[in-house]
Amino acid sequence: MRAKVLERFPAGAPRGSWPAEEYAARRRAEGEPATVVMDLKSDAFLVVVPGPDED
């Protein structure tokens, strides 16, 4: 599965703050199927949407 990264958020957000989840929720409210995933290599949360599959 391919995905397009819409936004990156550092994993070190203040306690009780979920900026990636809040951003994804706003995108979902606009009709985009946004999901939050963790990129362990860069220690960041990524907001992604499904991208086109390449054959």
Protein backbone atom coordinates (compact mmCIF):
# COMPACT_ATOMS: atom_id res chain seq x y z
CA MET A 1 0.00 0.00 0.00
CA ARG A 2 1.25 3.46 -0.90
CA ALA A 3 0.54 6.53 1.21
CA LYS A 4 0.95 10.27 0.81
CA VAL A 5 2.29 12.18 3.84
CA LEU A 6 0.23 15.30 4.51
CA GLU A 7 2.04 16.54 7.62
CA ARG A 8 4.76 15.57 10.14
CA PHE A 9 4.66 16.22 13.88
CA PRO A 10 7.52 15.60 16.32
CA ALA A 11 6.83 12.86 18.84
CA GLY A 12 7.85 15.12 21.74
CA ALA A 13 4.61 17.10 22.01
CA PRO A 14 3.67 18.39 25.48
CA ARG A 15 1.73 16.00 27.72
CA GLY A 16 -1.98 15.99 26.83
CA SER A 17 -1.31 17.50 23.39
CA TRP A 18 -2.07 15.40 20.31
CA PRO A 19 -1.40 17.70 17.32
CA ALA A 20 -1.17 14.89 14.76
CA GLU A 21 -4.48 13.38 15.87
CA GLU A 22 -6.14 16.81 15.89
CA TYR A 23 -4.86 17.57 12.38
CA ALA A 24 -6.03 14.18 11.09
CA ALA A 25 -9.47 14.70 12.66
CA ARG A 26 -9.82 18.03 10.84
CA ARG A 27 -8.85 16.38 7.55
CA ARG A 28 -11.35 13.55 8.14
CA ALA A 29 -14.07 16.15 8.83
CA GLU A 30 -13.26 17.57 5.37
CA GLY A 31 -13.77 14.11 3.83
CA GLU A 32 -10.16 12.93 3.54
CA PRO A 33 -9.35 9.46 4.94
CA ALA A 34 -6.42 10.70 7.06
CA THR A 35 -4.64 8.35 9.45
CA VAL A 36 -1.83 8.90 11.96
CA VAL A 37 1.17 6.58 11.88
CA MET A 38 4.44 6.60 13.80
CA ASP A 39 7.72 6.83 11.91
CA LEU A 40 10.16 5.27 14.35
CA LYS A 41 13.22 6.16 12.27
CA SER A 42 12.52 9.92 12.46
CA ASP A 43 10.67 9.80 15.82
CA ALA A 44 7.69 11.62 14.34
CA PHE A 45 3.98 11.12 13.84
CA LEU A 46 2.89 11.27 10.20
CA VAL A 47 -0.59 12.11 8.97
CA VAL A 48 -1.11 10.08 5.80
CA VAL A 49 -3.80 9.38 3.21
CA PRO A 50 -3.89 6.43 0.84
CA GLY A 51 -1.94 7.09 -2.33
CA PRO A 52 -2.15 5.56 -5.78
CA ASP A 53 -0.86 2.00 -6.12
CA GLU A 54 1.95 1.65 -8.63
CA ASP A 55 1.98 -1.44 -10.81
